C-alpha atoms as a PDB file:
ATOM      1  CA  MET A   1      12.995   0.908 -23.389  1.00  0.00           C
ATOM      2  CA  LYS A   2      11.792  -2.222 -21.591  1.00  0.00           C
ATOM      3  CA  ALA A   3       8.393  -1.956 -19.917  1.00  0.00           C
ATOM      4  CA  VAL A   4       5.596  -4.053 -18.379  1.00  0.00           C
ATOM      5  CA  VAL A   5       2.367  -3.310 -20.237  1.00  0.00           C
ATOM      6  CA  LYS A   6      -1.265  -4.144 -19.607  1.00  0.00           C
ATOM      7  CA  GLU A   7      -2.732  -4.328 -23.105  1.00  0.00           C
ATOM      8  CA  LYS A   8      -6.225  -5.741 -22.678  1.00  0.00           C
ATOM      9  CA  ALA A   9      -8.996  -6.093 -20.088  1.00  0.00           C
ATOM     10  CA  GLU A  10      -8.136  -9.726 -19.435  1.00  0.00           C
ATOM     11  CA  TYR A  11      -5.722 -11.881 -17.462  1.00  0.00           C
ATOM     12  CA  GLY A  12      -2.016 -11.213 -17.920  1.00  0.00           C
ATOM     13  CA  ILE A  13       0.622  -8.644 -18.865  1.00  0.00           C
ATOM     14  CA  LYS A  14       3.243  -8.245 -21.581  1.00  0.00           C
ATOM     15  CA  VAL A  15       6.905  -7.280 -21.289  1.00  0.00           C
ATOM     16  CA  VAL A  16       7.943  -5.130 -24.259  1.00  0.00           C
ATOM     17  CA  THR A  17      11.372  -3.874 -25.318  1.00  0.00           C
ATOM     18  CA  ASP A  18      10.360  -1.091 -27.696  1.00  0.00           C
ATOM     19  CA  ALA A  19       8.358   1.307 -25.516  1.00  0.00           C
ATOM     20  CA  ALA A  20       9.170   4.948 -26.206  1.00  0.00           C
ATOM     21  CA  ILE A  21      11.197   6.767 -23.565  1.00  0.00           C
ATOM     22  CA  PRO A  22       8.803   9.444 -22.242  1.00  0.00           C
ATOM     23  CA  LYS A  23       9.519  13.174 -22.298  1.00  0.00           C
ATOM     24  CA  PRO A  24       8.848  15.361 -19.253  1.00  0.00           C
ATOM     25  CA  GLY A  25       6.149  17.975 -19.749  1.00  0.00           C
ATOM     26  CA  LEU A  26       5.449  21.207 -17.915  1.00  0.00           C
ATOM     27  CA  GLY A  27       6.460  20.859 -14.258  1.00  0.00           C
ATOM     28  CA  GLU A  28       7.543  17.244 -14.723  1.00  0.00           C
ATOM     29  CA  VAL A  29      10.786  15.299 -14.386  1.00  0.00           C
ATOM     30  CA  LEU A  30      12.147  12.212 -16.105  1.00  0.00           C
ATOM     31  CA  VAL A  31      13.322   9.529 -13.684  1.00  0.00           C
ATOM     32  CA  ARG A  32      15.542   6.529 -14.372  1.00  0.00           C
ATOM     33  CA  VAL A  33      13.875   3.775 -12.376  1.00  0.00           C
ATOM     34  CA  GLU A  34      16.145   1.788 -10.045  1.00  0.00           C
ATOM     35  CA  ALA A  35      13.559  -0.373  -8.261  1.00  0.00           C
ATOM     36  CA  VAL A  36       9.813  -0.851  -8.628  1.00  0.00           C
ATOM     37  CA  GLY A  37       7.488  -2.985  -6.533  1.00  0.00           C
ATOM     38  CA  ILE A  38       4.618  -5.221  -7.577  1.00  0.00           C
ATOM     39  CA  CYS A  39       1.669  -3.911  -5.580  1.00  0.00           C
ATOM     40  CA  GLY A  40      -1.510  -5.738  -4.634  1.00  0.00           C
ATOM     41  CA  SER A  41      -3.320  -3.391  -7.011  1.00  0.00           C
ATOM     42  CA  ASP A  42      -0.934  -4.412  -9.803  1.00  0.00           C
ATOM     43  CA  LEU A  43      -1.739  -8.042  -9.036  1.00  0.00           C
ATOM     44  CA  HIS A  44      -5.472  -7.328  -9.244  1.00  0.00           C
ATOM     45  CA  ILE A  45      -4.925  -5.655 -12.608  1.00  0.00           C
ATOM     46  CA  TYR A  46      -2.812  -8.616 -13.741  1.00  0.00           C
ATOM     47  CA  GLU A  47      -5.563 -11.064 -12.757  1.00  0.00           C
ATOM     48  CA  TRP A  48      -8.207  -8.590 -13.950  1.00  0.00           C
ATOM     49  CA  THR A  49     -10.385  -8.953 -10.872  1.00  0.00           C
ATOM     50  CA  PRO A  50     -13.491  -6.740 -10.416  1.00  0.00           C
ATOM     51  CA  GLY A  51     -12.944  -3.144  -9.350  1.00  0.00           C
ATOM     52  CA  TYR A  52     -10.490  -1.895 -11.997  1.00  0.00           C
ATOM     53  CA  GLU A  53     -12.759  -1.548 -15.018  1.00  0.00           C
ATOM     54  CA  ALA A  54     -12.374   2.252 -14.978  1.00  0.00           C
ATOM     55  CA  ILE A  55      -8.761   2.050 -16.194  1.00  0.00           C
ATOM     56  CA  ALA A  56      -9.540  -0.173 -19.202  1.00  0.00           C
ATOM     57  CA  PRO A  57     -10.042   2.832 -21.554  1.00  0.00           C
ATOM     58  CA  TYR A  58      -6.403   3.811 -20.876  1.00  0.00           C
ATOM     59  CA  PHE A  59      -4.941   0.530 -22.166  1.00  0.00           C
ATOM     60  CA  PRO A  60      -2.300  -0.183 -23.313  1.00  0.00           C
ATOM     61  CA  ARG A  61      -0.708   1.150 -20.136  1.00  0.00           C
ATOM     62  CA  ILE A  62       2.651   0.674 -18.423  1.00  0.00           C
ATOM     63  CA  LEU A  63       2.009  -0.533 -14.858  1.00  0.00           C
ATOM     64  CA  GLY A  64       3.788   0.297 -11.608  1.00  0.00           C
ATOM     65  CA  HIS A  65       3.494   3.035  -8.987  1.00  0.00           C
ATOM     66  CA  GLU A  66       5.828   1.913  -6.162  1.00  0.00           C
ATOM     67  CA  PHE A  67       9.316   2.959  -7.183  1.00  0.00           C
ATOM     68  CA  SER A  68      12.570   4.790  -6.576  1.00  0.00           C
ATOM     69  CA  GLY A  69      15.021   6.252  -9.040  1.00  0.00           C
ATOM     70  CA  GLU A  70      17.283   9.078 -10.144  1.00  0.00           C
ATOM     71  CA  ILE A  71      16.240  12.308 -11.839  1.00  0.00           C
ATOM     72  CA  VAL A  72      17.869  12.499 -15.270  1.00  0.00           C
ATOM     73  CA  GLU A  73      15.968  15.423 -16.827  1.00  0.00           C
ATOM     74  CA  THR A  74      13.720  18.268 -15.686  1.00  0.00           C
ATOM     75  CA  GLY A  75      11.018  19.763 -17.858  1.00  0.00           C
ATOM     76  CA  GLU A  76      10.043  23.368 -18.381  1.00  0.00           C
ATOM     77  CA  GLY A  77       8.226  25.049 -15.542  1.00  0.00           C
ATOM     78  CA  CYS A  78       9.895  23.073 -12.759  1.00  0.00           C
ATOM     79  CA  LYS A  79      10.504  25.147  -9.635  1.00  0.00           C
ATOM     80  CA  GLY A  80      14.088  23.979  -9.363  1.00  0.00           C
ATOM     81  CA  ASP A  81      13.645  22.361  -5.942  1.00  0.00           C
ATOM     82  CA  PHE A  82      14.958  19.097  -7.393  1.00  0.00           C
ATOM     83  CA  LYS A  83      18.050  18.664  -9.553  1.00  0.00           C
ATOM     84  CA  THR A  84      19.261  16.026 -11.978  1.00  0.00           C
ATOM     85  CA  GLY A  85      21.197  13.296 -10.217  1.00  0.00           C
ATOM     86  CA  GLU A  86      19.045  13.371  -7.074  1.00  0.00           C
ATOM     87  CA  LYS A  87      17.655  10.091  -5.737  1.00  0.00           C
ATOM     88  CA  ILE A  88      13.918  10.248  -5.188  1.00  0.00           C
ATOM     89  CA  THR A  89      10.675   8.405  -4.760  1.00  0.00           C
ATOM     90  CA  SER A  90       7.343   9.789  -5.892  1.00  0.00           C
ATOM     91  CA  GLU A  91       3.683   9.933  -4.978  1.00  0.00           C
ATOM     92  CA  THR A  92       1.319   8.305  -7.442  1.00  0.00           C
ATOM     93  CA  CYS A  93      -0.539  11.435  -8.461  1.00  0.00           C
ATOM     94  CA  LYS A  94      -0.547  15.165  -7.801  1.00  0.00           C
ATOM     95  CA  SER A  95      -3.558  16.908  -6.305  1.00  0.00           C
ATOM     96  CA  CYS A  96      -4.930  20.325  -7.229  1.00  0.00           C
ATOM     97  CA  GLY A  97      -4.305  21.941  -3.843  1.00  0.00           C
ATOM     98  CA  GLN A  98      -7.431  24.092  -4.149  1.00  0.00           C
ATOM     99  CA  CYS A  99     -10.495  21.851  -3.881  1.00  0.00           C
ATOM    100  CA  PHE A 100     -12.468  21.212  -0.679  1.00  0.00           C
ATOM    101  CA  TYR A 101     -10.504  18.067   0.214  1.00  0.00           C
ATOM    102  CA  CYS A 102      -7.084  19.474  -0.624  1.00  0.00           C
ATOM    103  CA  LYS A 103      -7.720  22.433   1.668  1.00  0.00           C
ATOM    104  CA  GLN A 104      -8.409  19.926   4.448  1.00  0.00           C
ATOM    105  CA  GLY A 105      -5.097  18.175   3.806  1.00  0.00           C
ATOM    106  CA  LYS A 106      -6.852  15.200   2.184  1.00  0.00           C
ATOM    107  CA  GLY A 107      -5.161  15.338  -1.215  1.00  0.00           C
ATOM    108  CA  ILE A 108      -5.770  11.615  -1.764  1.00  0.00           C
ATOM    109  CA  LEU A 109      -9.467  12.552  -2.140  1.00  0.00           C
ATOM    110  CA  CYS A 110      -8.798  15.476  -4.493  1.00  0.00           C
ATOM    111  CA  LEU A 111     -11.706  16.018  -6.869  1.00  0.00           C
ATOM    112  CA  TYR A 112      -9.352  16.640  -9.796  1.00  0.00           C
ATOM    113  CA  ARG A 113      -6.453  14.215  -9.237  1.00  0.00           C
ATOM    114  CA  PHE A 114      -7.674  11.845 -11.952  1.00  0.00           C
ATOM    115  CA  ILE A 115      -7.348  14.630 -14.519  1.00  0.00           C
ATOM    116  CA  SER A 116      -3.564  14.571 -14.204  1.00  0.00           C
ATOM    117  CA  GLY A 117      -3.745  10.806 -13.827  1.00  0.00           C
ATOM    118  CA  ARG A 118      -2.166   8.265 -11.502  1.00  0.00           C
ATOM    119  CA  ILE A 119       1.051   6.643 -12.700  1.00  0.00           C
ATOM    120  CA  GLY A 120       0.442   3.006 -13.524  1.00  0.00           C
ATOM    121  CA  PHE A 121      -3.286   3.592 -13.922  1.00  0.00           C
ATOM    122  CA  GLU A 122      -4.445   6.531 -16.094  1.00  0.00           C
ATOM    123  CA  ARG A 123      -0.884   7.355 -17.203  1.00  0.00           C
ATOM    124  CA  ASP A 124       2.222   5.246 -17.783  1.00  0.00           C
ATOM    125  CA  GLY A 125       3.897   3.925 -14.679  1.00  0.00           C
ATOM    126  CA  ALA A 126       7.288   2.877 -13.359  1.00  0.00           C
ATOM    127  CA  MET A 127       7.615  -0.763 -14.448  1.00  0.00           C
ATOM    128  CA  ALA A 128       9.970   0.534 -17.100  1.00  0.00           C
ATOM    129  CA  GLU A 129      13.450   1.913 -17.475  1.00  0.00           C
ATOM    130  CA  TYR A 130      12.136   5.496 -17.261  1.00  0.00           C
ATOM    131  CA  VAL A 131       9.019   7.202 -15.933  1.00  0.00           C
ATOM    132  CA  VAL A 132       7.745  10.791 -15.979  1.00  0.00           C
ATOM    133  CA  VAL A 133       6.257  12.246 -12.783  1.00  0.00           C
ATOM    134  CA  SER A 134       5.251  15.673 -11.503  1.00  0.00           C
ATOM    135  CA  GLU A 135       7.898  17.594  -9.571  1.00  0.00           C
ATOM    136  CA  GLU A 136       5.214  18.242  -6.935  1.00  0.00           C
ATOM    137  CA  CYS A 137       5.082  14.514  -6.143  1.00  0.00           C
ATOM    138  CA  LEU A 138       8.790  14.014  -5.405  1.00  0.00           C
ATOM    139  CA  HIS A 139      10.352  13.074  -2.078  1.00  0.00           C
ATOM    140  CA  ARG A 140      14.091  12.947  -1.448  1.00  0.00           C
ATOM    141  CA  ILE A 141      15.519   9.729  -0.105  1.00  0.00           C
ATOM    142  CA  PRO A 142      17.254  10.431   3.225  1.00  0.00           C
ATOM    143  CA  PRO A 143      20.594   8.936   4.325  1.00  0.00           C
ATOM    144  CA  GLY A 144      20.437   5.334   5.439  1.00  0.00           C
ATOM    145  CA  VAL A 145      17.499   4.415   3.202  1.00  0.00           C
ATOM    146  CA  THR A 146      18.311   2.092   0.294  1.00  0.00           C
ATOM    147  CA  MET A 147      16.719   2.432  -3.125  1.00  0.00           C
ATOM    148  CA  GLU A 148      14.920  -0.859  -2.500  1.00  0.00           C
ATOM    149  CA  GLU A 149      13.435   0.424   0.746  1.00  0.00           C
ATOM    150  CA  ALA A 150      12.524   3.739  -0.881  1.00  0.00           C
ATOM    151  CA  ALA A 151      10.596   1.849  -3.568  1.00  0.00           C
ATOM    152  CA  MET A 152       8.293   0.635  -0.792  1.00  0.00           C
ATOM    153  CA  THR A 153       7.430   4.105   0.510  1.00  0.00           C
ATOM    154  CA  GLU A 154       4.036   4.163  -1.214  1.00  0.00           C
ATOM    155  CA  PRO A 155       2.600   1.010   0.432  1.00  0.00           C
ATOM    156  CA  ALA A 156       4.178   2.067   3.732  1.00  0.00           C
ATOM    157  CA  ALA A 157       2.388   5.432   3.457  1.00  0.00           C
ATOM    158  CA  VAL A 158      -0.852   3.538   2.826  1.00  0.00           C
ATOM    159  CA  ALA A 159      -0.210   1.518   6.000  1.00  0.00           C
ATOM    160  CA  LEU A 160       0.609   4.617   8.042  1.00  0.00           C
ATOM    161  CA  GLY A 161      -2.485   6.403   6.739  1.00  0.00           C
ATOM    162  CA  ALA A 162      -4.601   3.447   7.856  1.00  0.00           C
ATOM    163  CA  VAL A 163      -3.057   3.349  11.327  1.00  0.00           C
ATOM    164  CA  GLU A 164      -3.669   7.084  11.704  1.00  0.00           C
ATOM    165  CA  ARG A 165      -7.375   6.357  11.090  1.00  0.00           C
ATOM    166  CA  GLY A 166      -7.464   3.912  14.018  1.00  0.00           C
ATOM    167  CA  GLY A 167      -8.673   4.994  17.435  1.00  0.00           C
ATOM    168  CA  PHE A 168      -6.489   2.995  19.783  1.00  0.00           C
ATOM    169  CA  ASP A 169      -4.552   4.328  22.769  1.00  0.00           C
ATOM    170  CA  PRO A 170      -1.145   3.234  24.103  1.00  0.00           C
ATOM    171  CA  GLY A 171      -1.454  -0.191  25.700  1.00  0.00           C
ATOM    172  CA  ASP A 172      -4.552  -1.225  23.722  1.00  0.00           C
ATOM    173  CA  LEU A 173      -4.827  -4.530  21.878  1.00  0.00           C
ATOM    174  CA  VAL A 174      -5.146  -4.106  18.118  1.00  0.00           C
ATOM    175  CA  VAL A 175      -5.682  -6.635  15.344  1.00  0.00           C
ATOM    176  CA  ILE A 176      -4.156  -6.717  11.861  1.00  0.00           C
ATOM    177  CA  SER A 177      -6.214  -8.904   9.532  1.00  0.00           C
ATOM    178  CA  GLY A 178      -4.092  -9.847   6.522  1.00  0.00           C
ATOM    179  CA  PRO A 179      -0.304 -10.464   6.776  1.00  0.00           C
ATOM    180  CA  GLY A 180       0.654  -8.991   3.404  1.00  0.00           C
ATOM    181  CA  PRO A 181       3.242  -6.211   3.037  1.00  0.00           C
ATOM    182  CA  ILE A 182       0.835  -3.421   4.017  1.00  0.00           C
ATOM    183  CA  GLY A 183      -0.454  -5.464   6.946  1.00  0.00           C
ATOM    184  CA  LEU A 184       3.057  -6.079   8.267  1.00  0.00           C
ATOM    185  CA  MET A 185       3.933  -2.424   7.814  1.00  0.00           C
ATOM    186  CA  ALA A 186       0.769  -1.407   9.682  1.00  0.00           C
ATOM    187  CA  MET A 187       1.711  -3.825  12.454  1.00  0.00           C
ATOM    188  CA  GLN A 188       5.050  -2.059  12.904  1.00  0.00           C
ATOM    189  CA  PHE A 189       3.426   1.383  12.946  1.00  0.00           C
ATOM    190  CA  CYS A 190       0.987   0.187  15.644  1.00  0.00           C
ATOM    191  CA  LYS A 191       3.923  -0.984  17.741  1.00  0.00           C
ATOM    192  CA  ALA A 192       5.746   2.315  17.193  1.00  0.00           C
ATOM    193  CA  LEU A 193       2.650   4.226  18.337  1.00  0.00           C
ATOM    194  CA  GLY A 194       2.416   2.267  21.581  1.00  0.00           C
ATOM    195  CA  ALA A 195      -0.130  -0.489  20.968  1.00  0.00           C
ATOM    196  CA  GLY A 196       0.038  -2.935  23.855  1.00  0.00           C
ATOM    197  CA  ARG A 197      -0.515  -6.246  22.085  1.00  0.00           C
ATOM    198  CA  VAL A 198      -0.628  -6.530  18.288  1.00  0.00           C
ATOM    199  CA  VAL A 199      -2.326  -9.617  16.890  1.00  0.00           C
ATOM    200  CA  VAL A 200      -1.875 -10.565  13.227  1.00  0.00           C
ATOM    201  CA  ILE A 201      -4.487 -12.853  11.652  1.00  0.00           C
ATOM    202  CA  GLY A 202      -4.004 -14.879   8.493  1.00  0.00           C
ATOM    203  CA  LEU A 203      -4.730 -18.222   6.906  1.00  0.00           C
ATOM    204  CA  GLU A 204      -2.710 -21.409   7.225  1.00  0.00           C
ATOM    205  CA  ALA A 205      -1.433 -20.628   3.712  1.00  0.00           C
ATOM    206  CA  ASP A 206       0.049 -17.423   5.180  1.00  0.00           C
ATOM    207  CA  ARG A 207       2.292 -19.324   7.595  1.00  0.00           C
ATOM    208  CA  LYS A 208       5.559 -17.964   6.151  1.00  0.00           C
ATOM    209  CA  ARG A 209       4.198 -14.416   6.209  1.00  0.00           C
ATOM    210  CA  LEU A 210       3.118 -14.872   9.808  1.00  0.00           C
ATOM    211  CA  GLU A 211       6.628 -16.023  10.694  1.00  0.00           C
ATOM    212  CA  VAL A 212       7.911 -12.719   9.290  1.00  0.00           C
ATOM    213  CA  ALA A 213       5.271 -10.939  11.365  1.00  0.00           C
ATOM    214  CA  LYS A 214       6.656 -12.537  14.527  1.00  0.00           C
ATOM    215  CA  GLU A 215      10.202 -11.593  13.531  1.00  0.00           C
ATOM    216  CA  LEU A 216       9.072  -7.970  13.091  1.00  0.00           C
ATOM    217  CA  GLY A 217       7.431  -7.771  16.495  1.00  0.00           C
ATOM    218  CA  ALA A 218       3.907  -9.210  16.300  1.00  0.00           C
ATOM    219  CA  ASP A 219       2.870 -10.345  19.781  1.00  0.00           C
ATOM    220  CA  GLU A 220       0.502 -13.048  18.552  1.00  0.00           C
ATOM    221  CA  VAL A 221      -0.411 -14.656  15.217  1.00  0.00           C
ATOM    222  CA  LEU A 222      -3.647 -16.539  14.586  1.00  0.00           C
ATOM    223  CA  THR A 223      -4.801 -18.868  11.804  1.00  0.00           C
ATOM    224  CA  GLY A 224      -7.997 -20.204  13.376  1.00  0.00           C
ATOM    225  CA  THR A 225     -11.636 -19.938  12.389  1.00  0.00           C
ATOM    226  CA  PRO A 226     -13.404 -16.628  13.079  1.00  0.00           C
ATOM    227  CA  ALA A 227     -14.987 -18.177  16.180  1.00  0.00           C
ATOM    228  CA  GLU A 228     -11.635 -19.458  17.450  1.00  0.00           C
ATOM    229  CA  ASN A 229      -9.927 -16.132  16.818  1.00  0.00           C
ATOM    230  CA  LEU A 230     -12.773 -14.278  18.536  1.00  0.00           C
ATOM    231  CA  GLN A 231     -12.380 -16.499  21.590  1.00  0.00           C
ATOM    232  CA  LYS A 232      -8.644 -15.768  21.786  1.00  0.00           C
ATOM    233  CA  ILE A 233      -9.173 -12.009  21.506  1.00  0.00           C
ATOM    234  CA  GLY A 234     -11.731 -12.235  24.282  1.00  0.00           C
ATOM    235  CA  GLU A 235      -9.328 -14.151  26.529  1.00  0.00           C
ATOM    236  CA  TRP A 236      -6.575 -11.582  26.018  1.00  0.00           C
ATOM    237  CA  THR A 237      -8.847  -8.602  26.734  1.00  0.00           C
ATOM    238  CA  GLY A 238     -10.945  -9.904  29.586  1.00  0.00           C
ATOM    239  CA  GLY A 239     -13.923 -10.205  27.266  1.00  0.00           C
ATOM    240  CA  LEU A 240     -13.790  -6.613  26.000  1.00  0.00           C
ATOM    241  CA  GLY A 241     -12.436  -7.150  22.491  1.00  0.00           C
ATOM    242  CA  ALA A 242      -9.912  -5.283  20.356  1.00  0.00           C
ATOM    243  CA  ALA A 243      -9.701  -1.495  20.417  1.00  0.00           C
ATOM    244  CA  THR A 244      -9.102  -1.355  16.670  1.00  0.00           C
ATOM    245  CA  VAL A 245      -9.140  -3.912  13.868  1.00  0.00           C
ATOM    246  CA  PHE A 246      -7.300  -3.079  10.643  1.00  0.00           C
ATOM    247  CA  GLU A 247      -8.744  -5.240   7.858  1.00  0.00           C
ATOM    248  CA  ILE A 248      -6.235  -5.367   5.019  1.00  0.00           C
ATOM    249  CA  SER A 249      -6.828  -8.733   3.351  1.00  0.00           C
ATOM    250  CA  GLY A 250      -9.755  -7.581   1.217  1.00  0.00           C
ATOM    251  CA  ALA A 251     -11.890 -10.590   2.202  1.00  0.00           C
ATOM    252  CA  PRO A 252     -15.508  -9.614   3.036  1.00  0.00           C
ATOM    253  CA  ALA A 253     -15.754 -12.467   5.560  1.00  0.00           C
ATOM    254  CA  ALA A 254     -12.631 -11.198   7.328  1.00  0.00           C
ATOM    255  CA  ALA A 255     -14.147  -7.710   7.573  1.00  0.00           C
ATOM    256  CA  ALA A 256     -17.346  -9.121   9.082  1.00  0.00           C
ATOM    257  CA  ALA A 257     -15.286 -11.156  11.544  1.00  0.00           C
ATOM    258  CA  GLY A 258     -13.229  -8.086  12.424  1.00  0.00           C
ATOM    259  CA  LEU A 259     -16.349  -6.158  13.404  1.00  0.00           C
ATOM    260  CA  GLN A 260     -17.247  -8.907  15.873  1.00  0.00           C
ATOM    261  CA  MET A 261     -13.769  -8.788  17.438  1.00  0.00           C
ATOM    262  CA  LEU A 262     -14.113  -5.116  18.349  1.00  0.00           C
ATOM    263  CA  ARG A 263     -14.927  -3.933  21.822  1.00  0.00           C
ATOM    264  CA  ARG A 264     -17.792  -1.483  22.189  1.00  0.00           C
ATOM    265  CA  PHE A 265     -16.907   1.946  20.775  1.00  0.00           C
ATOM    266  CA  GLY A 266     -14.079   0.335  18.773  1.00  0.00           C
ATOM    267  CA  ASP A 267     -12.947   1.137  15.233  1.00  0.00           C
ATOM    268  CA  LEU A 268     -12.859  -1.175  12.222  1.00  0.00           C
ATOM    269  CA  VAL A 269     -10.544   0.323   9.585  1.00  0.00           C
ATOM    270  CA  LEU A 270     -11.042  -1.111   6.096  1.00  0.00           C
ATOM    271  CA  VAL A 271      -7.987  -0.966   3.842  1.00  0.00           C
ATOM    272  CA  GLY A 272      -8.535  -3.921   1.497  1.00  0.00           C
ATOM    273  CA  ILE A 273     -10.258  -3.867  -1.890  1.00  0.00           C
ATOM    274  CA  TYR A 274     -13.457  -5.880  -1.488  1.00  0.00           C
ATOM    275  CA  PRO A 275     -14.959  -7.738  -4.481  1.00  0.00           C
ATOM    276  CA  GLU A 276     -18.282  -8.243  -2.696  1.00  0.00           C
ATOM    277  CA  THR A 277     -20.570  -6.533  -0.192  1.00  0.00           C
ATOM    278  CA  ILE A 278     -19.573  -6.903   3.468  1.00  0.00           C
ATOM    279  CA  PRO A 279     -22.449  -8.301   5.584  1.00  0.00           C
ATOM    280  CA  VAL A 280     -23.097  -6.077   8.609  1.00  0.00           C
ATOM    281  CA  ASP A 281     -25.740  -6.336  11.339  1.00  0.00           C
ATOM    282  CA  ALA A 282     -25.871  -2.563  11.784  1.00  0.00           C
ATOM    283  CA  THR A 283     -28.390  -2.443  14.630  1.00  0.00           C
ATOM    284  CA  ARG A 284     -26.763  -4.987  16.927  1.00  0.00           C
ATOM    285  CA  GLN A 285     -23.117  -4.526  16.015  1.00  0.00           C
ATOM    286  CA  MET A 286     -22.900  -0.789  15.343  1.00  0.00           C
ATOM    287  CA  VAL A 287     -25.810   1.224  16.712  1.00  0.00           C
ATOM    288  CA  ARG A 288     -26.179  -0.538  20.048  1.00  0.00           C
ATOM    289  CA  GLN A 289     -22.438  -1.055  20.527  1.00  0.00           C
ATOM    290  CA  MET A 290     -21.375   2.312  19.052  1.00  0.00           C
ATOM    291  CA  LYS A 291     -18.745   0.717  16.838  1.00  0.00           C
ATOM    292  CA  THR A 292     -17.373   2.638  13.865  1.00  0.00           C
ATOM    293  CA  ILE A 293     -16.362   1.458  10.396  1.00  0.00           C
ATOM    294  CA  LYS A 294     -13.817   3.681   8.642  1.00  0.00           C
ATOM    295  CA  GLY A 295     -12.384   3.453   5.165  1.00  0.00           C
ATOM    296  CA  SER A 296      -8.717   4.210   4.546  1.00  0.00           C
ATOM    297  CA  TYR A 297      -7.346   4.957   1.096  1.00  0.00           C
ATOM    298  CA  GLY A 298      -3.756   5.888   0.351  1.00  0.00           C
ATOM    299  CA  GLY A 299      -1.537   8.093   2.463  1.00  0.00           C
ATOM    300  CA  ALA A 300      -1.148  11.845   2.833  1.00  0.00           C
ATOM    301  CA  SER A 301       1.846  13.572   1.265  1.00  0.00           C
ATOM    302  CA  LEU A 302       3.328  14.138   4.724  1.00  0.00           C
ATOM    303  CA  ASP A 303       3.070  10.393   5.413  1.00  0.00           C
ATOM    304  CA  TRP A 304       5.705   9.790   2.730  1.00  0.00           C
ATOM    305  CA  ASP A 305       8.227  11.918   4.608  1.00  0.00           C
ATOM    306  CA  ARG A 306       7.231  10.314   7.912  1.00  0.00           C
ATOM    307  CA  VAL A 307       7.812   6.846   6.457  1.00  0.00           C
ATOM    308  CA  LEU A 308      11.209   7.753   5.008  1.00  0.00           C
ATOM    309  CA  ASN A 309      12.283   9.329   8.314  1.00  0.00           C
ATOM    310  CA  LEU A 310      11.153   6.296  10.315  1.00  0.00           C
ATOM    311  CA  VAL A 311      13.036   3.928   8.005  1.00  0.00           C
ATOM    312  CA  SER A 312      16.113   6.159   8.131  1.00  0.00           C
ATOM    313  CA  ALA A 313      15.959   6.111  11.945  1.00  0.00           C
ATOM    314  CA  GLY A 314      15.623   2.323  12.016  1.00  0.00           C
ATOM    315  CA  ARG A 315      12.170   2.445  13.631  1.00  0.00           C
ATOM    316  CA  ILE A 316      10.445   0.621  10.746  1.00  0.00           C
ATOM    317  CA  GLN A 317      11.927  -2.341   8.878  1.00  0.00           C
ATOM    318  CA  LEU A 318      11.114  -2.815   5.201  1.00  0.00           C
ATOM    319  CA  LYS A 319      13.969  -5.044   4.036  1.00  0.00           C
ATOM    320  CA  PRO A 320      12.581  -8.206   5.705  1.00  0.00           C
ATOM    321  CA  LEU A 321       9.464  -7.861   3.551  1.00  0.00           C
ATOM    322  CA  ILE A 322      11.425  -8.161   0.285  1.00  0.00           C
ATOM    323  CA  SER A 323      11.281 -11.774  -0.890  1.00  0.00           C
ATOM    324  CA  GLU A 324      13.148 -11.308  -4.139  1.00  0.00           C
ATOM    325  CA  ILE A 325      14.517  -8.712  -6.554  1.00  0.00           C
ATOM    326  CA  MET A 326      14.008  -9.756 -10.171  1.00  0.00           C
ATOM    327  CA  PRO A 327      14.915  -8.286 -13.547  1.00  0.00           C
ATOM    328  CA  LEU A 328      12.074  -6.509 -15.294  1.00  0.00           C
ATOM    329  CA  LYS A 329      12.006  -9.110 -18.060  1.00  0.00           C
ATOM    330  CA  GLU A 330      10.875 -11.703 -15.481  1.00  0.00           C
ATOM    331  CA  ALA A 331       7.902  -9.638 -14.333  1.00  0.00           C
ATOM    332  CA  GLU A 332       5.336 -12.285 -15.242  1.00  0.00           C
ATOM    333  CA  LYS A 333       7.172 -14.820 -13.083  1.00  0.00           C
ATOM    334  CA  GLY A 334       7.048 -12.346 -10.208  1.00  0.00           C
ATOM    335  CA  PHE A 335       3.299 -11.769 -10.618  1.00  0.00           C
ATOM    336  CA  GLU A 336       2.634 -15.499 -10.638  1.00  0.00           C
ATOM    337  CA  ARG A 337       4.747 -16.065  -7.515  1.00  0.00           C
ATOM    338  CA  LEU A 338       2.748 -13.426  -5.683  1.00  0.00           C
ATOM    339  CA  ARG A 339      -0.539 -14.841  -6.941  1.00  0.00           C
ATOM    340  CA  ARG A 340       0.411 -18.218  -5.450  1.00  0.00           C
ATOM    341  CA  LYS A 341       1.573 -16.542  -2.203  1.00  0.00           C
ATOM    342  CA  GLU A 342       5.099 -17.842  -2.735  1.00  0.00           C
ATOM    343  CA  ALA A 343       6.515 -14.385  -1.977  1.00  0.00           C
ATOM    344  CA  LEU A 344       5.722 -11.421   0.252  1.00  0.00           C
ATOM    345  CA  LYS A 345       7.061  -8.457  -1.741  1.00  0.00           C
ATOM    346  CA  ILE A 346       8.821  -8.672  -5.097  1.00  0.00           C
ATOM    347  CA  LEU A 347      10.775  -5.773  -6.535  1.00  0.00           C
ATOM    348  CA  LEU A 348      11.694  -5.450 -10.199  1.00  0.00           C
ATOM    349  CA  ARG A 349      14.949  -3.865 -11.328  1.00  0.00           C
ATOM    350  CA  PRO A 350      14.750  -2.375 -14.846  1.00  0.00           C
END
């Protein structure tokens, strides 16, 4: 089968045509992939930026963890909840269900999830014609949700998980720093949960993405310097500052600027992957102002169903985020377009 493979711990990928079609193991299903997204994590792996060294021992590895498809085979030990022919999307990795974090409903922090492996990281992923996933990870695609939209459930669950970590109330001003796909999804979730004014911050190079943000409901977009943006936030809040800042760009400077934009007792939610240490004046900005910094990683299993239901109900729009759908053989072109910020979200169709 065709597949996108990361072979070495260096820049680039390779599209192969002779990858073996995988076989489902105990409790697993074989899925024919219909659409698969290029994630920001995939782009980092493509560029081989710091923070992904732990997956190098698993190379060569088929990439891809945002996908939708059709079940074509079930392995032994499956419970029978899902049948061949069903359209599904899948979580990246199953959790044990028994560890301290799983019992708290925090399966994304499961102590043993790396043993089974995440698709596209420790085990082969979905940038291929077929992928094997655990039956426990499956989610049915509800009526009214296209296969392309369903392929974006994973990043949308990440966005929803981040918004759930925020501490804003209805009517509050919130800030989204970083107008990528997850940022624009988070912006929509904030609106759906009653945020008063949602401000999206980006760079001048993000102008097209910020235009999409406005189309999807952003109240304000900013491309100024940190000082200029801080002044605007102050004007809109009577000098208080934002209730919550969601930092999704992964830029340490943006995270530091986000902390300054917060009102006292506000929450800074970090979602990006940061290549460097974030400078923080803990005494003046956190202790004496009682601000909180929270990390957000992935989404809970229930978030996947929430996302699919919201898309099905027309409350969240994912289609406007899709810049292009490309054949799998043109994957490298898609990665390069994203690296140059010429696209927002690119899906591959095996």
